[in-house]
Amino acid sequence: VMEVDYAGMTLPITNPETGEIREAAIFVATLPASNYIYAEVQPSQELQHWLAGHVRAFAFCGGVPKILRPDNLKTGVKKPNYYEPDLNPSYQELAEHYHVAVLPARVKKPKDKPHVENGVQNVERWMLAPLRNRTFFSVGEANRAMAPLLETLNTKEMVHLGKSRRQLFEELDQ
């Protein structure tokens, strides 16, 4: 299973020519068995970014899960239903292409995807908070700044387990 969501926090991206500030979305994917996290900055939560985030998360993990558990955001799920959700056609095509089932969380039931909710909290705490006083002029620049923080988060030992997310990923998920 891979649980996917967007963080509540955003990252400001400043247009270097106009000085206009736009809020960029933070895409987060988590593998529940290991709590291995993938996170990236995206220009928006539009369909093209949502789908591309999934593809990059698959590449980051080196494979495709059997099940995707997204939130019920309109980009991916047109009509929520736990047993037979009506997916956006492009999201359905992505699922069919990668041979993955999409089982969205029930509406207003964050307990259906607790690992990604925890992953979002960790991304906000350990990745976004350290970057809060920096000015970014592109999404690419923001992602390059987040990459070492993501590596640190995944390799940091979890005290209660005595292992890092990466170690658990290599043992359980990979």
N, C-alpha and C. Protein backbone atom coordinates (compact mmCIF):
# COMPACT_ATOMS: atom_id res chain seq x y z
N VAL A 1 0.85 -1.19 0.00
CA VAL A 1 0.00 0.00 0.00
C VAL A 1 0.88 1.24 0.00
N MET A 2 0.44 2.26 -0.74
CA MET A 2 1.07 3.57 -0.67
C MET A 2 -0.05 4.57 -0.38
N GLU A 3 0.10 5.31 0.71
CA GLU A 3 -0.87 6.34 1.06
C GLU A 3 -0.35 7.68 0.55
N VAL A 4 -1.22 8.45 -0.11
CA VAL A 4 -0.81 9.73 -0.69
C VAL A 4 -1.73 10.86 -0.25
N ASP A 5 -1.16 12.04 -0.12
CA ASP A 5 -1.93 13.20 0.33
C ASP A 5 -1.12 14.47 0.05
N TYR A 6 -1.75 15.59 0.22
CA TYR A 6 -1.06 16.88 0.19
C TYR A 6 -0.96 17.40 1.61
N ALA A 7 0.14 18.04 1.92
CA ALA A 7 0.32 18.65 3.24
C ALA A 7 -0.58 19.87 3.34
N GLY A 8 -0.96 20.20 4.55
CA GLY A 8 -1.76 21.41 4.77
C GLY A 8 -0.92 22.67 4.56
N MET A 9 0.34 22.58 4.94
CA MET A 9 1.25 23.71 4.75
C MET A 9 1.65 23.81 3.28
N THR A 10 1.98 25.02 2.86
CA THR A 10 2.47 25.25 1.51
C THR A 10 3.84 25.92 1.61
N LEU A 11 4.49 26.07 0.48
CA LEU A 11 5.80 26.71 0.44
C LEU A 11 5.71 27.89 -0.53
N PRO A 12 6.04 29.10 -0.08
CA PRO A 12 5.96 30.25 -0.99
C PRO A 12 7.07 30.22 -2.05
N ILE A 13 6.68 30.43 -3.29
CA ILE A 13 7.62 30.53 -4.41
C ILE A 13 7.49 31.95 -4.97
N THR A 14 8.59 32.67 -5.02
CA THR A 14 8.59 34.07 -5.45
C THR A 14 9.00 34.16 -6.92
N ASN A 15 8.21 34.86 -7.71
CA ASN A 15 8.55 35.10 -9.10
C ASN A 15 9.68 36.14 -9.11
N PRO A 16 10.87 35.79 -9.64
CA PRO A 16 12.01 36.71 -9.57
C PRO A 16 11.82 37.98 -10.38
N GLU A 17 10.94 37.95 -11.39
CA GLU A 17 10.73 39.12 -12.23
C GLU A 17 9.71 40.08 -11.65
N THR A 18 8.62 39.54 -11.09
CA THR A 18 7.53 40.40 -10.61
C THR A 18 7.48 40.52 -9.09
N GLY A 19 8.12 39.59 -8.40
CA GLY A 19 8.05 39.58 -6.95
C GLY A 19 6.76 38.95 -6.42
N GLU A 20 5.90 38.50 -7.34
CA GLU A 20 4.65 37.85 -6.94
C GLU A 20 4.96 36.54 -6.22
N ILE A 21 4.23 36.28 -5.14
CA ILE A 21 4.43 35.06 -4.37
C ILE A 21 3.25 34.13 -4.58
N ARG A 22 3.56 32.88 -4.96
CA ARG A 22 2.53 31.86 -5.13
C ARG A 22 2.83 30.74 -4.16
N GLU A 23 1.79 30.16 -3.61
CA GLU A 23 1.94 29.07 -2.65
C GLU A 23 2.00 27.73 -3.41
N ALA A 24 3.07 27.00 -3.20
CA ALA A 24 3.25 25.70 -3.84
C ALA A 24 2.78 24.60 -2.90
N ALA A 25 2.19 23.57 -3.48
CA ALA A 25 1.67 22.43 -2.71
C ALA A 25 2.79 21.44 -2.39
N ILE A 26 2.61 20.68 -1.31
CA ILE A 26 3.58 19.66 -0.91
C ILE A 26 2.89 18.30 -1.02
N PHE A 27 3.36 17.49 -1.98
CA PHE A 27 2.84 16.14 -2.20
C PHE A 27 3.62 15.18 -1.31
N VAL A 28 2.89 14.31 -0.59
CA VAL A 28 3.53 13.35 0.32
C VAL A 28 2.97 11.96 0.04
N ALA A 29 3.88 10.98 -0.04
CA ALA A 29 3.50 9.57 -0.19
C ALA A 29 4.25 8.78 0.88
N THR A 30 3.54 7.83 1.51
CA THR A 30 4.13 7.03 2.58
C THR A 30 3.81 5.56 2.37
N LEU A 31 4.81 4.71 2.62
CA LEU A 31 4.60 3.26 2.62
C LEU A 31 4.37 2.86 4.08
N PRO A 32 3.17 2.38 4.43
CA PRO A 32 2.82 2.13 5.83
C PRO A 32 3.69 1.13 6.59
N ALA A 33 4.17 0.08 5.94
CA ALA A 33 4.94 -0.93 6.67
C ALA A 33 6.23 -0.35 7.24
N SER A 34 6.89 0.51 6.46
CA SER A 34 8.17 1.07 6.90
C SER A 34 8.08 2.54 7.29
N ASN A 35 6.96 3.19 6.99
CA ASN A 35 6.80 4.63 7.17
C ASN A 35 7.77 5.42 6.30
N TYR A 36 8.27 4.80 5.23
CA TYR A 36 9.17 5.45 4.29
C TYR A 36 8.41 6.57 3.59
N ILE A 37 9.02 7.74 3.52
CA ILE A 37 8.32 8.93 3.05
C ILE A 37 8.94 9.46 1.76
N TYR A 38 8.07 9.87 0.86
CA TYR A 38 8.47 10.63 -0.32
C TYR A 38 7.72 11.95 -0.26
N ALA A 39 8.41 13.05 -0.51
CA ALA A 39 7.75 14.36 -0.52
C ALA A 39 8.38 15.23 -1.59
N GLU A 40 7.55 16.06 -2.20
CA GLU A 40 8.04 16.99 -3.21
C GLU A 40 7.17 18.23 -3.24
N VAL A 41 7.75 19.31 -3.73
CA VAL A 41 7.03 20.57 -3.92
C VAL A 41 6.44 20.53 -5.32
N GLN A 42 5.18 20.94 -5.44
CA GLN A 42 4.51 20.99 -6.74
C GLN A 42 3.89 22.38 -6.91
N PRO A 43 3.81 22.87 -8.15
CA PRO A 43 3.23 24.20 -8.36
C PRO A 43 1.79 24.33 -7.87
N SER A 44 1.03 23.23 -7.95
CA SER A 44 -0.38 23.26 -7.53
C SER A 44 -0.84 21.83 -7.30
N GLN A 45 -2.11 21.70 -6.93
CA GLN A 45 -2.71 20.38 -6.76
C GLN A 45 -3.49 19.95 -8.00
N GLU A 46 -3.19 20.56 -9.12
CA GLU A 46 -3.87 20.22 -10.37
C GLU A 46 -3.53 18.79 -10.79
N LEU A 47 -4.36 18.25 -11.67
CA LEU A 47 -4.26 16.86 -12.10
C LEU A 47 -2.87 16.48 -12.60
N GLN A 48 -2.28 17.30 -13.45
CA GLN A 48 -0.97 16.94 -14.03
C GLN A 48 0.08 16.79 -12.95
N HIS A 49 0.03 17.63 -11.92
CA HIS A 49 1.01 17.56 -10.83
C HIS A 49 0.71 16.36 -9.92
N TRP A 50 -0.57 16.10 -9.69
CA TRP A 50 -1.00 14.96 -8.88
C TRP A 50 -0.50 13.65 -9.50
N LEU A 51 -0.72 13.49 -10.80
CA LEU A 51 -0.30 12.27 -11.48
C LEU A 51 1.22 12.15 -11.53
N ALA A 52 1.89 13.24 -11.86
CA ALA A 52 3.35 13.22 -11.94
C ALA A 52 3.97 12.93 -10.57
N GLY A 53 3.34 13.41 -9.51
CA GLY A 53 3.83 13.13 -8.16
C GLY A 53 3.79 11.63 -7.87
N HIS A 54 2.73 10.96 -8.30
CA HIS A 54 2.63 9.51 -8.12
C HIS A 54 3.76 8.80 -8.86
N VAL A 55 3.98 9.20 -10.11
CA VAL A 55 5.01 8.55 -10.93
C VAL A 55 6.39 8.74 -10.28
N ARG A 56 6.68 9.95 -9.80
CA ARG A 56 7.98 10.19 -9.15
C ARG A 56 8.07 9.44 -7.82
N ALA A 57 6.96 9.29 -7.11
CA ALA A 57 6.97 8.51 -5.87
C ALA A 57 7.27 7.04 -6.16
N PHE A 58 6.69 6.50 -7.24
CA PHE A 58 6.98 5.12 -7.64
C PHE A 58 8.47 4.96 -7.94
N ALA A 59 9.02 5.92 -8.69
CA ALA A 59 10.44 5.87 -9.04
C ALA A 59 11.31 5.98 -7.78
N PHE A 60 10.94 6.85 -6.86
CA PHE A 60 11.69 7.03 -5.61
C PHE A 60 11.74 5.72 -4.83
N CYS A 61 10.63 4.99 -4.82
CA CYS A 61 10.55 3.73 -4.07
C CYS A 61 11.09 2.55 -4.88
N GLY A 62 11.34 2.77 -6.15
CA GLY A 62 11.89 1.69 -6.97
C GLY A 62 10.88 0.64 -7.34
N GLY A 63 9.60 0.97 -7.32
CA GLY A 63 8.56 0.01 -7.67
C GLY A 63 7.18 0.60 -7.45
N VAL A 64 6.18 -0.20 -7.73
CA VAL A 64 4.79 0.23 -7.66
C VAL A 64 4.06 -0.60 -6.61
N PRO A 65 3.29 0.04 -5.74
CA PRO A 65 2.53 -0.73 -4.75
C PRO A 65 1.35 -1.43 -5.41
N LYS A 66 0.71 -2.31 -4.67
CA LYS A 66 -0.49 -2.97 -5.19
C LYS A 66 -1.71 -2.08 -5.02
N ILE A 67 -1.69 -1.24 -3.97
CA ILE A 67 -2.84 -0.40 -3.65
C ILE A 67 -2.38 1.03 -3.39
N LEU A 68 -3.13 1.99 -3.94
CA LEU A 68 -2.95 3.41 -3.62
C LEU A 68 -4.11 3.84 -2.73
N ARG A 69 -3.82 4.56 -1.68
CA ARG A 69 -4.88 5.07 -0.80
C ARG A 69 -4.76 6.59 -0.74
N PRO A 70 -5.47 7.28 -1.65
CA PRO A 70 -5.44 8.74 -1.62
C PRO A 70 -6.55 9.31 -0.75
N ASP A 71 -6.47 10.60 -0.55
CA ASP A 71 -7.56 11.34 0.04
C ASP A 71 -8.63 11.44 -1.05
N ASN A 72 -9.75 12.05 -0.75
CA ASN A 72 -10.81 12.18 -1.75
C ASN A 72 -10.80 13.54 -2.43
N LEU A 73 -9.61 14.07 -2.72
CA LEU A 73 -9.58 15.36 -3.38
C LEU A 73 -10.12 15.23 -4.80
N LYS A 74 -10.74 16.29 -5.27
CA LYS A 74 -11.43 16.27 -6.57
C LYS A 74 -10.50 15.94 -7.73
N THR A 75 -9.22 16.22 -7.58
CA THR A 75 -8.27 15.95 -8.65
C THR A 75 -8.23 14.46 -8.99
N GLY A 76 -8.31 13.61 -7.99
CA GLY A 76 -8.20 12.17 -8.23
C GLY A 76 -9.51 11.42 -8.19
N VAL A 77 -10.43 11.86 -7.34
CA VAL A 77 -11.67 11.11 -7.12
C VAL A 77 -12.86 12.01 -7.40
N LYS A 78 -13.60 11.68 -8.48
CA LYS A 78 -14.77 12.50 -8.84
C LYS A 78 -15.90 12.31 -7.85
N LYS A 79 -16.17 11.04 -7.48
CA LYS A 79 -17.26 10.74 -6.56
C LYS A 79 -16.75 9.70 -5.57
N PRO A 80 -16.61 10.08 -4.30
CA PRO A 80 -16.07 9.13 -3.33
C PRO A 80 -17.04 8.00 -3.00
N ASN A 81 -16.49 6.80 -2.94
CA ASN A 81 -17.21 5.63 -2.49
C ASN A 81 -16.13 4.61 -2.14
N TYR A 82 -16.17 4.09 -0.93
CA TYR A 82 -15.09 3.22 -0.46
C TYR A 82 -14.95 1.96 -1.32
N TYR A 83 -16.06 1.43 -1.80
CA TYR A 83 -16.01 0.17 -2.54
C TYR A 83 -15.90 0.35 -4.04
N GLU A 84 -16.53 1.35 -4.59
CA GLU A 84 -16.45 1.61 -6.02
C GLU A 84 -16.35 3.11 -6.27
N PRO A 85 -15.17 3.68 -6.02
CA PRO A 85 -15.02 5.12 -6.22
C PRO A 85 -15.06 5.48 -7.70
N ASP A 86 -15.57 6.64 -8.01
CA ASP A 86 -15.57 7.15 -9.37
C ASP A 86 -14.32 8.02 -9.50
N LEU A 87 -13.28 7.46 -10.12
CA LEU A 87 -12.00 8.16 -10.24
C LEU A 87 -12.01 9.08 -11.44
N ASN A 88 -11.18 10.11 -11.36
CA ASN A 88 -10.92 10.96 -12.51
C ASN A 88 -10.38 10.04 -13.61
N PRO A 89 -10.82 10.20 -14.87
CA PRO A 89 -10.37 9.29 -15.94
C PRO A 89 -8.84 9.19 -16.07
N SER A 90 -8.15 10.29 -15.91
CA SER A 90 -6.68 10.25 -16.02
C SER A 90 -6.06 9.47 -14.87
N TYR A 91 -6.63 9.62 -13.69
CA TYR A 91 -6.13 8.88 -12.53
C TYR A 91 -6.42 7.38 -12.71
N GLN A 92 -7.58 7.08 -13.28
CA GLN A 92 -7.93 5.69 -13.57
C GLN A 92 -6.95 5.10 -14.58
N GLU A 93 -6.59 5.89 -15.60
CA GLU A 93 -5.62 5.42 -16.59
C GLU A 93 -4.26 5.16 -15.96
N LEU A 94 -3.83 6.04 -15.06
CA LEU A 94 -2.57 5.84 -14.36
C LEU A 94 -2.61 4.53 -13.59
N ALA A 95 -3.71 4.29 -12.88
CA ALA A 95 -3.86 3.07 -12.09
C ALA A 95 -3.82 1.84 -12.99
N GLU A 96 -4.50 1.90 -14.11
CA GLU A 96 -4.52 0.77 -15.04
C GLU A 96 -3.13 0.54 -15.65
N HIS A 97 -2.46 1.63 -16.00
CA HIS A 97 -1.13 1.51 -16.61
C HIS A 97 -0.15 0.83 -15.66
N TYR A 98 -0.21 1.21 -14.38
CA TYR A 98 0.72 0.64 -13.39
C TYR A 98 0.15 -0.59 -12.69
N HIS A 99 -1.04 -1.03 -13.08
CA HIS A 99 -1.69 -2.21 -12.48
C HIS A 99 -1.78 -2.07 -10.96
N VAL A 100 -2.34 -0.96 -10.54
CA VAL A 100 -2.49 -0.68 -9.12
C VAL A 100 -3.96 -0.36 -8.83
N ALA A 101 -4.45 -0.84 -7.71
CA ALA A 101 -5.83 -0.55 -7.30
C ALA A 101 -5.85 0.76 -6.52
N VAL A 102 -6.87 1.56 -6.73
CA VAL A 102 -7.02 2.81 -6.00
C VAL A 102 -8.20 2.65 -5.05
N LEU A 103 -7.92 2.68 -3.75
CA LEU A 103 -8.96 2.57 -2.72
C LEU A 103 -8.90 3.82 -1.86
N PRO A 104 -9.65 4.88 -2.24
CA PRO A 104 -9.59 6.13 -1.48
C PRO A 104 -10.08 5.95 -0.05
N ALA A 105 -9.55 6.78 0.82
CA ALA A 105 -10.01 6.80 2.20
C ALA A 105 -11.47 7.25 2.22
N ARG A 106 -12.18 6.83 3.24
CA ARG A 106 -13.56 7.28 3.37
C ARG A 106 -13.58 8.78 3.66
N VAL A 107 -14.63 9.44 3.25
CA VAL A 107 -14.75 10.88 3.45
C VAL A 107 -14.70 11.19 4.95
N LYS A 108 -13.87 12.16 5.29
CA LYS A 108 -13.70 12.63 6.66
C LYS A 108 -13.26 11.52 7.62
N LYS A 109 -12.48 10.57 7.12
CA LYS A 109 -11.97 9.48 7.94
C LYS A 109 -10.45 9.40 7.79
N PRO A 110 -9.72 10.34 8.40
CA PRO A 110 -8.26 10.31 8.27
C PRO A 110 -7.63 9.05 8.88
N LYS A 111 -8.40 8.30 9.68
CA LYS A 111 -7.87 7.07 10.26
C LYS A 111 -7.68 5.99 9.20
N ASP A 112 -8.26 6.20 8.00
CA ASP A 112 -8.08 5.24 6.90
C ASP A 112 -6.68 5.34 6.30
N LYS A 113 -6.01 6.46 6.53
CA LYS A 113 -4.66 6.66 6.00
C LYS A 113 -3.78 7.36 7.04
N PRO A 114 -3.63 6.73 8.19
CA PRO A 114 -2.90 7.38 9.29
C PRO A 114 -1.41 7.56 9.02
N HIS A 115 -0.83 6.68 8.22
CA HIS A 115 0.61 6.75 7.98
C HIS A 115 1.00 7.98 7.17
N VAL A 116 0.18 8.31 6.16
CA VAL A 116 0.50 9.51 5.38
C VAL A 116 0.18 10.77 6.19
N GLU A 117 -0.83 10.71 7.06
CA GLU A 117 -1.11 11.87 7.92
C GLU A 117 0.09 12.10 8.84
N ASN A 118 0.66 11.03 9.37
CA ASN A 118 1.86 11.13 10.19
C ASN A 118 3.04 11.59 9.33
N GLY A 119 3.12 11.08 8.10
CA GLY A 119 4.17 11.50 7.17
C GLY A 119 4.09 12.98 6.86
N VAL A 120 2.87 13.49 6.66
CA VAL A 120 2.66 14.92 6.42
C VAL A 120 3.17 15.72 7.62
N GLN A 121 2.83 15.28 8.80
CA GLN A 121 3.28 15.97 10.01
C GLN A 121 4.81 15.98 10.09
N ASN A 122 5.45 14.86 9.78
CA ASN A 122 6.91 14.79 9.80
C ASN A 122 7.53 15.69 8.73
N VAL A 123 6.93 15.72 7.54
CA VAL A 123 7.43 16.59 6.47
C VAL A 123 7.31 18.05 6.90
N GLU A 124 6.18 18.41 7.48
CA GLU A 124 6.01 19.80 7.92
C GLU A 124 7.01 20.15 9.01
N ARG A 125 7.23 19.25 9.93
CA ARG A 125 8.11 19.51 11.08
C ARG A 125 9.59 19.48 10.71
N TRP A 126 10.02 18.46 9.95
CA TRP A 126 11.44 18.25 9.71
C TRP A 126 11.94 18.76 8.36
N MET A 127 11.02 19.13 7.47
CA MET A 127 11.46 19.62 6.16
C MET A 127 11.00 21.04 5.88
N LEU A 128 9.72 21.31 6.09
CA LEU A 128 9.21 22.64 5.77
C LEU A 128 9.61 23.68 6.82
N ALA A 129 9.57 23.31 8.08
CA ALA A 129 9.93 24.27 9.13
C ALA A 129 11.36 24.80 8.97
N PRO A 130 12.36 23.95 8.69
CA PRO A 130 13.71 24.48 8.50
C PRO A 130 13.84 25.40 7.28
N LEU A 131 12.92 25.28 6.32
CA LEU A 131 12.99 26.09 5.10
C LEU A 131 12.12 27.33 5.15
N ARG A 132 11.43 27.55 6.27
CA ARG A 132 10.42 28.60 6.34
C ARG A 132 10.96 30.01 6.12
N ASN A 133 12.23 30.26 6.43
CA ASN A 133 12.79 31.61 6.28
C ASN A 133 13.57 31.79 4.99
N ARG A 134 13.57 30.78 4.13
CA ARG A 134 14.28 30.88 2.85
C ARG A 134 13.34 31.36 1.77
N THR A 135 13.89 32.05 0.80
CA THR A 135 13.13 32.50 -0.36
C THR A 135 13.48 31.62 -1.54
N PHE A 136 12.46 31.06 -2.17
CA PHE A 136 12.65 30.20 -3.33
C PHE A 136 12.08 30.89 -4.55
N PHE A 137 12.80 30.76 -5.68
CA PHE A 137 12.37 31.40 -6.91
C PHE A 137 11.83 30.41 -7.93
N SER A 138 11.87 29.12 -7.61
CA SER A 138 11.29 28.11 -8.50
C SER A 138 10.97 26.85 -7.69
N VAL A 139 10.08 26.06 -8.23
CA VAL A 139 9.73 24.79 -7.61
C VAL A 139 10.95 23.86 -7.60
N GLY A 140 11.72 23.88 -8.68
CA GLY A 140 12.92 23.06 -8.75
C GLY A 140 13.92 23.41 -7.66
N GLU A 141 14.10 24.69 -7.43
CA GLU A 141 15.01 25.13 -6.37
C GLU A 141 14.52 24.64 -5.01
N ALA A 142 13.22 24.73 -4.77
CA ALA A 142 12.64 24.27 -3.50
C ALA A 142 12.83 22.76 -3.34
N ASN A 143 12.62 22.01 -4.42
CA ASN A 143 12.80 20.55 -4.36
C ASN A 143 14.26 20.17 -4.10
N ARG A 144 15.19 20.92 -4.69
CA ARG A 144 16.61 20.65 -4.44
C ARG A 144 16.96 20.93 -2.98
N ALA A 145 16.33 21.93 -2.38
CA ALA A 145 16.57 22.22 -0.97
C ALA A 145 15.94 21.16 -0.06
N MET A 146 14.83 20.58 -0.50
CA MET A 146 14.14 19.57 0.31
C MET A 146 14.79 18.19 0.24
N ALA A 147 15.49 17.89 -0.84
CA ALA A 147 16.05 16.55 -1.04
C ALA A 147 16.96 16.09 0.10
N PRO A 148 17.92 16.88 0.55
CA PRO A 148 18.75 16.39 1.67
C PRO A 148 17.96 16.26 2.97
N LEU A 149 16.94 17.08 3.15
CA LEU A 149 16.11 16.99 4.35
C LEU A 149 15.28 15.71 4.33
N LEU A 150 14.81 15.32 3.14
CA LEU A 150 14.06 14.06 2.99
C LEU A 150 14.98 12.88 3.28
N GLU A 151 16.20 12.94 2.77
CA GLU A 151 17.17 11.88 3.03
C GLU A 151 17.43 11.75 4.53
N THR A 152 17.61 12.88 5.19
CA THR A 152 17.85 12.87 6.64
C THR A 152 16.66 12.29 7.39
N LEU A 153 15.45 12.68 6.99
CA LEU A 153 14.24 12.18 7.64
C LEU A 153 14.13 10.67 7.49
N ASN A 154 14.41 10.15 6.30
CA ASN A 154 14.27 8.71 6.06
C ASN A 154 15.40 7.89 6.68
N THR A 155 16.54 8.50 6.94
CA THR A 155 17.67 7.75 7.52
C THR A 155 17.82 7.96 9.02
N LYS A 156 17.03 8.88 9.57
CA LYS A 156 17.09 9.12 11.02
C LYS A 156 16.46 7.94 11.76
N GLU A 157 17.14 7.48 12.80
CA GLU A 157 16.64 6.34 13.56
C GLU A 157 15.37 6.71 14.32
N MET A 158 14.36 5.85 14.22
CA MET A 158 13.14 6.04 15.00
C MET A 158 13.37 5.36 16.35
N VAL A 159 13.33 6.13 17.41
CA VAL A 159 13.72 5.66 18.74
C VAL A 159 12.93 4.42 19.17
N HIS A 160 11.62 4.44 18.95
CA HIS A 160 10.79 3.32 19.42
C HIS A 160 11.04 2.02 18.66
N LEU A 161 11.64 2.10 17.47
CA LEU A 161 11.92 0.89 16.69
C LEU A 161 13.40 0.57 16.61
N GLY A 162 14.23 1.54 16.89
CA GLY A 162 15.67 1.32 16.82
C GLY A 162 16.20 1.17 15.41
N LYS A 163 15.40 1.56 14.42
CA LYS A 163 15.79 1.49 13.02
C LYS A 163 15.28 2.73 12.30
N SER A 164 15.87 3.00 11.16
CA SER A 164 15.41 4.13 10.36
C SER A 164 14.32 3.68 9.39
N ARG A 165 13.65 4.65 8.81
CA ARG A 165 12.64 4.34 7.79
C ARG A 165 13.30 3.62 6.61
N ARG A 166 14.49 4.07 6.23
CA ARG A 166 15.19 3.43 5.10
C ARG A 166 15.50 1.97 5.42
N GLN A 167 15.98 1.69 6.62
CA GLN A 167 16.28 0.30 6.99
C GLN A 167 15.02 -0.56 6.93
N LEU A 168 13.92 -0.04 7.46
CA LEU A 168 12.66 -0.79 7.41
C LEU A 168 12.17 -0.95 5.98
N PHE A 169 12.35 0.10 5.17
CA PHE A 169 11.97 0.02 3.76
C PHE A 169 12.74 -1.10 3.07
N GLU A 170 14.05 -1.16 3.29
CA GLU A 170 14.87 -2.20 2.67
C GLU A 170 14.51 -3.60 3.16
N GLU A 171 14.10 -3.71 4.41
CA GLU A 171 13.71 -5.02 4.97
C GLU A 171 12.30 -5.45 4.57
N LEU A 172 11.36 -4.51 4.57
CA LEU A 172 9.95 -4.86 4.42
C LEU A 172 9.34 -4.56 3.05
N ASP A 173 9.64 -3.40 2.53
CA ASP A 173 8.93 -2.94 1.32
C ASP A 173 9.66 -3.20 0.02
N GLN A 174 10.96 -3.06 0.04
CA GLN A 174 11.70 -3.13 -1.21
C GLN A 174 11.63 -4.53 -1.78
